[in-house]
């Protein structure tokens, strides 16, 4: 047989070239991967051919796990914060989910009764923790020692300095409401408390009392002694035309609001334009005790029970402060006495002034909280907490 000539070999290669091209297109490319053996033998590494898929459809991005990103921080300027809060759903959401209570503490010091509140929040089933949220407005110009810890850790919102006889206390309460509205759509009732407040009942009693109510609890009093002096504390006729004196109201700054009323307050600009003005007569200036009752009273009196559920004793008041209960006074009899007291009811929403005796006789809302207690009374309160305060 004759050996192939160079010319014949070239012809064979040229004829085979189309077949090579077709084979390459219709079959995946392979690359060699060398795997090492587990033993120490001198065998050469095993070669495995792994196909490389060039089809883009194999990279299915639809089934990649979603990366959850934390929500952006809330704005620190009040105008932007209140604008966001004014857009929330006025009803607790989602429908059918357990409604929650928002406990909002306004303070310029570490919470002296934190151990008592810890028992209040943790005394029942752990599931109860899903039924409340805590928010703290802590004036940043003060030193907090010890810092907020336990159930209060990490619950301080962006806070700004506050000062008595100024509208800064109104701003602080509005800030708390805005954060609570935006933080959890399940927050249904919003309770404002001070660092000197203590609970008078168990969490279950408090929760059931408030969640059953479809109205806010806010004291709305008309024709109070000294009301006109408060009205003109910013100057004669300064409040007009937004707030005529006939609509000016007084009441406790400590309230419990429905979600709808909390949104209403953060949305307000009209009355705030007047109440944010500085007072020229500071000794009659208590903006936080007038703004909230006046605003809610003007816009939705019928949606309120015109009374506060935070007991306070004004019989021995001094310098605008109520009586402070000392450690020696804290005993079961005091708690029972505070529970028996009845709230003072104000405007009924009829526009006729104070509500009548017949309407008063139909209501006996329980006081749920009380103030003021001295920090030294903590141990006395803890001694009677489980057997008295939290036993309903």
Protein backbone atom coordinates (compact mmCIF):
# COMPACT_ATOMS: atom_id res chain seq x y z
CA UNK A 1 0.00 0.00 0.00
CA UNK A 2 1.39 3.37 -0.94
CA UNK A 3 2.02 5.90 1.79
CA UNK A 4 -0.26 8.95 1.65
CA UNK A 5 1.20 11.94 -0.06
CA UNK A 6 1.19 15.38 1.54
CA UNK A 7 -1.35 16.53 -1.02
CA UNK A 8 -3.81 13.76 -0.09
CA UNK A 9 -3.46 14.52 3.62
CA UNK A 10 -4.35 18.17 3.02
CA UNK A 11 -7.43 17.13 1.07
CA UNK A 12 -8.62 14.91 3.95
CA UNK A 13 -8.17 17.74 6.48
CA UNK A 14 -10.10 20.20 4.34
CA UNK A 15 -12.98 17.75 3.91
CA UNK A 16 -13.14 17.06 7.68
CA UNK A 17 -13.21 20.73 8.76
CA UNK A 18 -17.00 21.26 8.33
CA UNK A 19 -17.71 18.24 10.52
CA UNK A 20 -15.51 19.62 13.30
CA UNK A 21 -17.34 22.95 13.25
CA UNK A 22 -20.76 21.31 13.44
CA UNK A 23 -19.69 19.06 16.34
CA UNK A 24 -18.35 22.03 18.32
CA UNK A 25 -21.56 24.05 17.96
CA UNK A 26 -23.96 21.24 18.89
CA UNK A 27 -22.03 19.98 21.93
CA UNK A 28 -21.03 21.80 25.12
CA UNK A 29 -17.48 22.76 25.61
CA UNK A 30 -15.63 20.68 28.13
CA UNK A 31 -12.77 21.64 30.36
CA UNK A 32 -10.59 19.27 32.28
CA UNK A 33 -10.72 19.35 36.08
CA UNK A 34 -8.08 17.38 37.92
CA UNK A 35 -9.08 15.84 41.22
CA UNK A 36 -6.51 14.72 43.72
CA UNK A 37 -6.72 11.29 45.29
CA UNK A 38 -7.30 10.83 49.01
CA UNK A 39 -4.37 8.34 49.41
CA UNK A 40 -0.66 8.79 48.99
CA UNK A 41 -0.36 6.56 45.91
CA UNK A 42 1.58 7.65 42.89
CA UNK A 43 -1.40 7.38 40.58
CA UNK A 44 -1.90 10.40 38.34
CA UNK A 45 -4.82 12.68 39.13
CA UNK A 46 -8.15 11.72 37.63
CA UNK A 47 -9.39 13.90 34.83
CA UNK A 48 -13.10 14.76 34.83
CA UNK A 49 -14.78 16.60 32.01
CA UNK A 50 -17.26 19.20 33.16
CA UNK A 51 -19.47 20.86 30.59
CA UNK A 52 -19.63 24.66 30.51
CA UNK A 53 -23.18 25.86 29.86
CA UNK A 54 -23.24 29.00 27.80
CA UNK A 55 -27.02 29.17 27.71
CA UNK A 56 -28.04 32.31 29.69
CA UNK A 57 -31.37 30.75 30.57
CA UNK A 58 -29.60 28.52 33.06
CA UNK A 59 -28.95 31.55 35.30
CA UNK A 60 -32.41 31.97 36.81
CA UNK A 61 -32.33 35.16 38.87
CA UNK A 62 -36.01 34.88 39.79
CA UNK A 63 -35.33 32.22 42.41
CA UNK A 64 -32.43 33.94 44.13
CA UNK A 65 -33.15 34.53 47.85
CA UNK A 66 -34.29 38.09 48.53
CA UNK A 67 -31.90 40.18 50.60
CA UNK A 68 -33.85 42.05 53.28
CA UNK A 69 -32.58 45.54 53.95
CA UNK A 70 -33.40 47.40 57.16
CA UNK A 71 -35.81 50.33 56.79
CA UNK A 72 -34.17 53.75 56.51
CA UNK A 73 -33.90 55.70 59.78
CA UNK A 74 -36.68 58.12 60.56
CA UNK A 75 -35.90 61.78 59.85
CA UNK A 76 -34.58 63.80 62.75
CA UNK A 77 -36.24 67.07 61.81
CA UNK A 78 -39.78 67.38 63.14
CA UNK A 79 -41.37 68.67 59.95
CA UNK A 80 -40.30 65.63 57.89
CA UNK A 81 -41.10 63.25 60.74
CA UNK A 82 -44.63 64.59 61.22
CA UNK A 83 -45.22 64.61 57.47
CA UNK A 84 -44.50 60.87 57.35
CA UNK A 85 -46.63 60.14 60.41
CA UNK A 86 -49.55 62.05 58.91
CA UNK A 87 -49.68 59.49 56.06
CA UNK A 88 -50.13 56.34 58.14
CA UNK A 89 -53.26 54.25 58.24
CA UNK A 90 -55.54 55.69 60.96
CA UNK A 91 -56.69 52.17 61.81
CA UNK A 92 -54.50 49.42 63.31
CA UNK A 93 -53.14 47.16 60.62
CA UNK A 94 -53.19 44.37 59.52
CA UNK A 95 -56.86 43.73 60.12
CA UNK A 96 -57.41 40.85 62.52
CA UNK A 97 -53.91 41.03 64.03
CA UNK A 98 -53.63 41.60 67.81
CA UNK A 99 -53.82 45.29 68.65
CA UNK A 100 -50.99 46.76 70.68
CA UNK A 101 -50.52 49.46 73.29
CA UNK A 102 -47.81 52.06 72.83
CA UNK A 103 -46.32 53.18 76.16
CA UNK A 104 -44.57 56.53 75.69
CA UNK A 105 -42.34 57.83 78.49
CA UNK A 106 -41.41 61.52 78.62
CA UNK A 107 -38.40 61.95 80.89
CA UNK A 108 -35.36 64.02 81.82
CA UNK A 109 -33.79 61.30 83.99
CA UNK A 110 -33.33 57.56 84.16
CA UNK A 111 -36.66 55.89 84.84
CA UNK A 112 -36.65 55.47 88.65
CA UNK A 113 -39.51 52.94 88.54
CA UNK A 114 -38.07 50.78 85.74
CA UNK A 115 -37.98 47.65 88.01
CA UNK A 116 -41.70 48.08 88.76
CA UNK A 117 -42.53 48.55 85.07
CA UNK A 118 -40.43 45.48 84.24
CA UNK A 119 -42.73 43.40 86.46
CA UNK A 120 -45.75 45.08 84.89
CA UNK A 121 -44.67 44.18 81.36
CA UNK A 122 -43.31 40.70 82.15
CA UNK A 123 -45.76 39.44 84.77
CA UNK A 124 -47.91 37.39 82.38
CA UNK A 125 -47.48 34.99 79.48
CA UNK A 126 -44.50 35.74 77.20
CA UNK A 127 -47.00 36.21 74.39
CA UNK A 128 -47.98 39.43 76.15
CA UNK A 129 -44.77 40.98 74.85
CA UNK A 130 -46.35 41.04 71.42
CA UNK A 131 -49.09 43.31 72.73
CA UNK A 132 -47.08 46.44 73.59
CA UNK A 133 -44.26 48.68 72.47
CA UNK A 134 -42.18 51.13 74.50
CA UNK A 135 -40.90 54.53 73.40
CA UNK A 136 -38.81 56.97 75.45
CA UNK A 137 -38.16 60.66 74.84
CA UNK A 138 -35.06 61.42 76.93
CA UNK A 139 -33.83 65.01 76.96
CA UNK A 140 -30.27 64.70 75.55
CA UNK A 141 -28.99 67.56 77.71
CA UNK A 142 -29.28 65.35 80.82
CA UNK A 143 -27.00 62.55 82.00
CA UNK A 144 -28.69 59.17 82.41
CA UNK A 145 -27.08 57.08 85.09
CA UNK A 146 -27.82 54.24 85.09
CA UNK A 147 -28.62 54.11 81.38
CA UNK A 148 -31.85 52.59 80.10
CA UNK A 149 -31.59 48.81 80.26
CA UNK A 150 -33.67 45.65 80.35
CA UNK A 151 -36.98 46.07 78.58
CA UNK A 152 -36.20 49.78 78.07
CA UNK A 153 -32.89 49.20 76.27
CA UNK A 154 -32.83 50.60 72.75
CA UNK A 155 -36.23 52.25 73.10
CA UNK A 156 -35.09 55.90 73.18
CA UNK A 157 -36.24 57.82 70.12
CA UNK A 158 -34.38 60.77 68.62
CA UNK A 159 -34.98 63.35 71.36
CA UNK A 160 -34.47 67.08 71.72
CA UNK A 161 -34.12 69.35 74.78
CA UNK A 162 -37.28 70.26 76.66
CA UNK A 163 -37.99 73.14 79.00
CA UNK A 164 -40.90 73.97 81.23
CA UNK A 165 -43.16 76.90 80.26
CA UNK A 166 -42.28 76.38 76.58
CA UNK A 167 -43.84 74.46 73.65
CA UNK A 168 -40.90 72.02 73.68
CA UNK A 169 -42.97 69.62 75.82
CA UNK A 170 -45.65 69.61 73.12
CA UNK A 171 -43.00 68.82 70.51
CA UNK A 172 -41.63 65.96 72.61
CA UNK A 173 -45.06 64.35 72.94
CA UNK A 174 -45.73 64.77 69.22
CA UNK A 175 -42.35 63.18 68.48
CA UNK A 176 -43.28 60.17 70.60
CA UNK A 177 -46.62 59.84 68.80
CA UNK A 178 -44.96 60.06 65.38
CA UNK A 179 -42.37 57.39 66.19
CA UNK A 180 -45.01 55.07 67.65
CA UNK A 181 -47.24 55.54 64.59
CA UNK A 182 -44.43 54.79 62.15
CA UNK A 183 -42.78 52.02 64.13
CA UNK A 184 -45.65 49.54 64.33
CA UNK A 185 -48.95 49.68 62.39
CA UNK A 186 -50.52 47.47 65.08
CA UNK A 187 -50.20 50.19 67.73
CA UNK A 188 -53.85 51.02 68.50
CA UNK A 189 -53.73 53.10 71.72
CA UNK A 190 -51.02 55.57 72.71
CA UNK A 191 -50.36 56.26 76.40
CA UNK A 192 -48.23 59.22 77.50
CA UNK A 193 -46.49 58.79 80.87
CA UNK A 194 -43.90 60.63 82.94
CA UNK A 195 -40.92 59.24 84.82
CA UNK A 196 -42.88 59.67 88.08
CA UNK A 197 -45.86 57.56 86.93
CA UNK A 198 -46.60 54.09 88.28
CA UNK A 199 -49.19 51.51 87.20
CA UNK A 200 -52.20 50.85 89.43
CA UNK A 201 -53.28 47.57 87.83
CA UNK A 202 -51.84 44.56 86.03
CA UNK A 203 -50.94 44.65 82.37
CA UNK A 204 -53.88 42.40 81.48
CA UNK A 205 -56.35 44.73 83.22
CA UNK A 206 -54.79 47.79 81.58
CA UNK A 207 -54.70 46.19 78.13
CA UNK A 208 -58.31 44.97 78.24
CA UNK A 209 -59.57 48.33 79.51
CA UNK A 210 -57.91 50.32 76.75
CA UNK A 211 -58.32 47.96 73.80
CA UNK A 212 -62.07 47.69 74.43
CA UNK A 213 -62.41 51.45 74.16
CA UNK A 214 -63.11 53.04 70.81
CA UNK A 215 -62.45 56.51 72.23
CA UNK A 216 -59.46 58.46 73.47
CA UNK A 217 -59.10 59.40 77.14
CA UNK A 218 -58.02 63.02 77.37
CA UNK A 219 -59.05 65.61 79.92
CA UNK A 220 -60.91 68.50 78.25
CA UNK A 221 -61.94 71.21 80.72
CA UNK A 222 -63.58 74.54 79.95
CA UNK A 223 -63.94 77.70 82.06
CA UNK A 224 -61.15 76.69 84.43
CA UNK A 225 -59.84 79.30 86.89
CA UNK A 226 -57.02 81.21 85.24
CA UNK A 227 -57.95 80.00 81.75
CA UNK A 228 -57.98 83.49 80.26
CA UNK A 229 -54.55 84.22 81.69
CA UNK A 230 -53.24 81.14 79.97
CA UNK A 231 -54.99 82.11 76.76
CA UNK A 232 -53.31 85.53 76.57
CA UNK A 233 -49.92 84.38 77.89
CA UNK A 234 -48.49 84.85 74.36
CA UNK A 235 -50.11 88.25 73.99
CA UNK A 236 -53.54 89.77 73.44
CA UNK A 237 -55.42 88.28 70.48
CA UNK A 238 -52.34 86.31 69.39
CA UNK A 239 -54.35 83.08 69.25
CA UNK A 240 -56.94 84.50 66.85
CA UNK A 241 -58.45 83.57 64.49
CA UNK A 242 -57.38 79.92 64.77
CA UNK A 243 -58.20 79.55 68.48
CA UNK A 244 -61.02 81.72 69.84
CA UNK A 245 -61.18 81.81 73.63
CA UNK A 246 -64.52 79.95 73.58
CA UNK A 247 -62.66 76.91 72.17
CA UNK A 248 -59.63 77.16 74.47
CA UNK A 249 -59.40 74.17 76.83
CA UNK A 250 -57.29 72.95 79.73
CA UNK A 251 -56.43 69.44 80.85
CA UNK A 252 -53.80 66.98 81.98
CA UNK A 253 -50.92 66.50 79.55
CA UNK A 254 -51.06 62.74 80.22
CA UNK A 255 -53.53 61.07 77.89
CA UNK A 256 -54.42 57.84 76.09
CA UNK A 257 -55.18 58.40 72.41
CA UNK A 258 -56.59 56.23 69.66
CA UNK A 259 -54.49 55.79 66.55
CA UNK A 260 -56.78 58.15 64.66
CA UNK A 261 -56.27 60.94 67.19
CA UNK A 262 -52.52 60.31 67.34
CA UNK A 263 -52.37 60.82 63.58
CA UNK A 264 -54.57 63.91 63.88
CA UNK A 265 -52.08 65.49 66.31
CA UNK A 266 -49.00 64.79 64.19
CA UNK A 267 -50.82 66.14 61.14
CA UNK A 268 -51.84 69.43 62.74
CA UNK A 269 -50.23 72.63 61.51
CA UNK A 270 -53.01 75.13 62.04
CA UNK A 271 -53.22 75.20 65.84
CA UNK A 272 -49.53 74.41 66.22
CA UNK A 273 -48.75 77.67 64.42
CA UNK A 274 -50.21 79.45 67.47
CA UNK A 275 -49.18 77.19 70.36
CA UNK A 276 -45.53 77.08 69.23
CA UNK A 277 -45.20 80.83 69.82
CA UNK A 278 -43.17 81.77 72.91
CA UNK A 279 -44.98 83.06 75.98
CA UNK A 280 -44.47 86.59 77.21
CA UNK A 281 -46.06 85.74 80.57
CA UNK A 282 -44.24 82.59 81.56
CA UNK A 283 -45.92 82.13 84.99
CA UNK A 284 -49.26 81.40 83.26
CA UNK A 285 -47.79 79.46 80.36
CA UNK A 286 -48.42 75.70 80.32
CA UNK A 287 -48.69 74.93 76.59
CA UNK A 288 -48.75 71.12 76.95
CA UNK A 289 -51.82 71.37 79.20
CA UNK A 290 -53.73 73.43 76.64
CA UNK A 291 -52.66 72.36 73.16
CA UNK A 292 -53.82 68.73 73.24
CA UNK A 293 -57.21 69.34 74.94
CA UNK A 294 -57.91 72.30 72.66
CA UNK A 295 -56.94 70.53 69.43
CA UNK A 296 -58.81 67.29 70.08
CA UNK A 297 -61.72 69.19 71.63
CA UNK A 298 -62.11 71.38 68.56
CA UNK A 299 -61.78 68.61 65.99
CA UNK A 300 -63.39 65.54 67.56
CA UNK A 301 -64.83 65.97 71.05
CA UNK A 302 -67.34 63.18 70.52
CA UNK A 303 -64.50 60.77 69.84
CA UNK A 304 -63.15 61.26 73.36
CA UNK A 305 -63.89 60.37 76.93
CA UNK A 306 -63.05 63.81 78.37
CA UNK A 307 -61.00 62.53 81.31
CA UNK A 308 -57.48 61.39 82.09
CA UNK A 309 -56.74 57.89 83.39
CA UNK A 310 -53.62 59.08 85.23
CA UNK A 311 -54.47 60.02 88.81
CA UNK A 312 -52.89 63.12 90.28
CA UNK A 313 -53.42 64.89 93.60
CA UNK A 314 -53.59 68.66 93.35
CA UNK A 315 -54.73 69.29 96.94
CA UNK A 316 -51.23 70.08 98.17
CA UNK A 317 -49.76 71.48 94.97
CA UNK A 318 -46.86 73.90 94.91
CA UNK A 319 -45.23 75.83 92.07
CA UNK A 320 -47.49 74.15 89.52
CA UNK A 321 -46.52 70.65 90.67
CA UNK A 322 -48.96 68.13 92.21
CA UNK A 323 -48.40 66.35 95.49
CA UNK A 324 -45.54 63.84 95.56
CA UNK A 325 -46.07 60.57 97.44
CA UNK A 326 -43.12 59.63 99.65
CA UNK A 327 -41.95 56.13 100.57
CA UNK A 328 -43.57 56.28 104.03
CA UNK A 329 -46.99 56.79 102.39
CA UNK A 330 -46.81 53.83 100.03
CA UNK A 331 -48.97 51.02 101.39
CA UNK A 332 -51.89 48.91 100.14
CA UNK A 333 -54.40 51.47 101.42
CA UNK A 334 -52.95 54.16 99.16
CA UNK A 335 -53.24 51.98 96.04
CA UNK A 336 -56.82 50.99 96.89
CA UNK A 337 -57.71 54.62 97.53
CA UNK A 338 -56.29 55.78 94.19
CA UNK A 339 -58.22 53.04 92.43
CA UNK A 340 -61.50 54.11 94.03
CA UNK A 341 -61.21 57.72 92.93
CA UNK A 342 -63.25 58.75 89.93
CA UNK A 343 -61.93 60.83 87.06
CA UNK A 344 -63.11 64.36 86.56
CA UNK A 345 -65.12 64.53 83.33
CA UNK A 346 -65.10 67.64 81.19
CA UNK A 347 -66.71 68.60 77.88
CA UNK A 348 -69.09 66.02 76.44
CA UNK A 349 -68.85 67.21 72.86
CA UNK A 350 -72.26 68.81 72.82
CA UNK A 351 -70.84 72.31 72.93
CA UNK A 352 -72.75 73.06 76.11
CA UNK A 353 -69.83 73.08 78.52
CA UNK A 354 -69.36 70.42 81.17
CA UNK A 355 -71.29 67.19 80.98
CA UNK A 356 -74.37 66.70 83.10
CA UNK A 357 -74.68 64.65 86.28
CA UNK A 358 -76.71 62.01 84.44
CA UNK A 359 -73.88 61.41 82.00
CA UNK A 360 -71.30 61.37 84.79
CA UNK A 361 -73.27 58.73 86.67
CA UNK A 362 -73.04 56.39 83.68
CA UNK A 363 -69.24 56.35 83.64
CA UNK A 364 -66.73 55.20 86.20
CA UNK A 365 -63.54 54.73 84.22
CA UNK A 366 -60.74 53.28 86.33
CA UNK A 367 -57.53 55.14 86.93
CA UNK A 368 -54.80 53.00 85.36
CA UNK A 369 -51.78 55.06 86.41
CA UNK A 370 -50.85 57.54 89.13
CA UNK A 371 -48.28 60.26 89.76
CA UNK A 372 -46.19 61.73 91.34
CA UNK A 373 -44.16 59.24 93.36
CA UNK A 374 -40.72 60.01 94.73
CA UNK A 375 -37.85 57.81 93.49
CA UNK A 376 -37.24 56.73 97.10
CA UNK A 377 -40.64 55.01 97.12
CA UNK A 378 -39.51 52.31 94.66
CA UNK A 379 -38.75 49.65 97.28
CA UNK A 380 -42.04 50.27 99.03
CA UNK A 381 -43.86 49.84 95.72
CA UNK A 382 -41.96 46.65 94.89
CA UNK A 383 -42.91 45.14 98.25
CA UNK A 384 -46.62 45.40 97.43
CA UNK A 385 -46.37 44.95 93.66
CA UNK A 386 -47.39 41.31 93.22
CA UNK A 387 -49.87 41.05 96.07
CA UNK A 388 -51.56 44.43 95.67
CA UNK A 389 -50.75 46.48 92.57
CA UNK A 390 -50.80 43.65 90.05
CA UNK A 391 -53.53 41.60 91.71
CA UNK A 392 -56.85 42.62 90.16
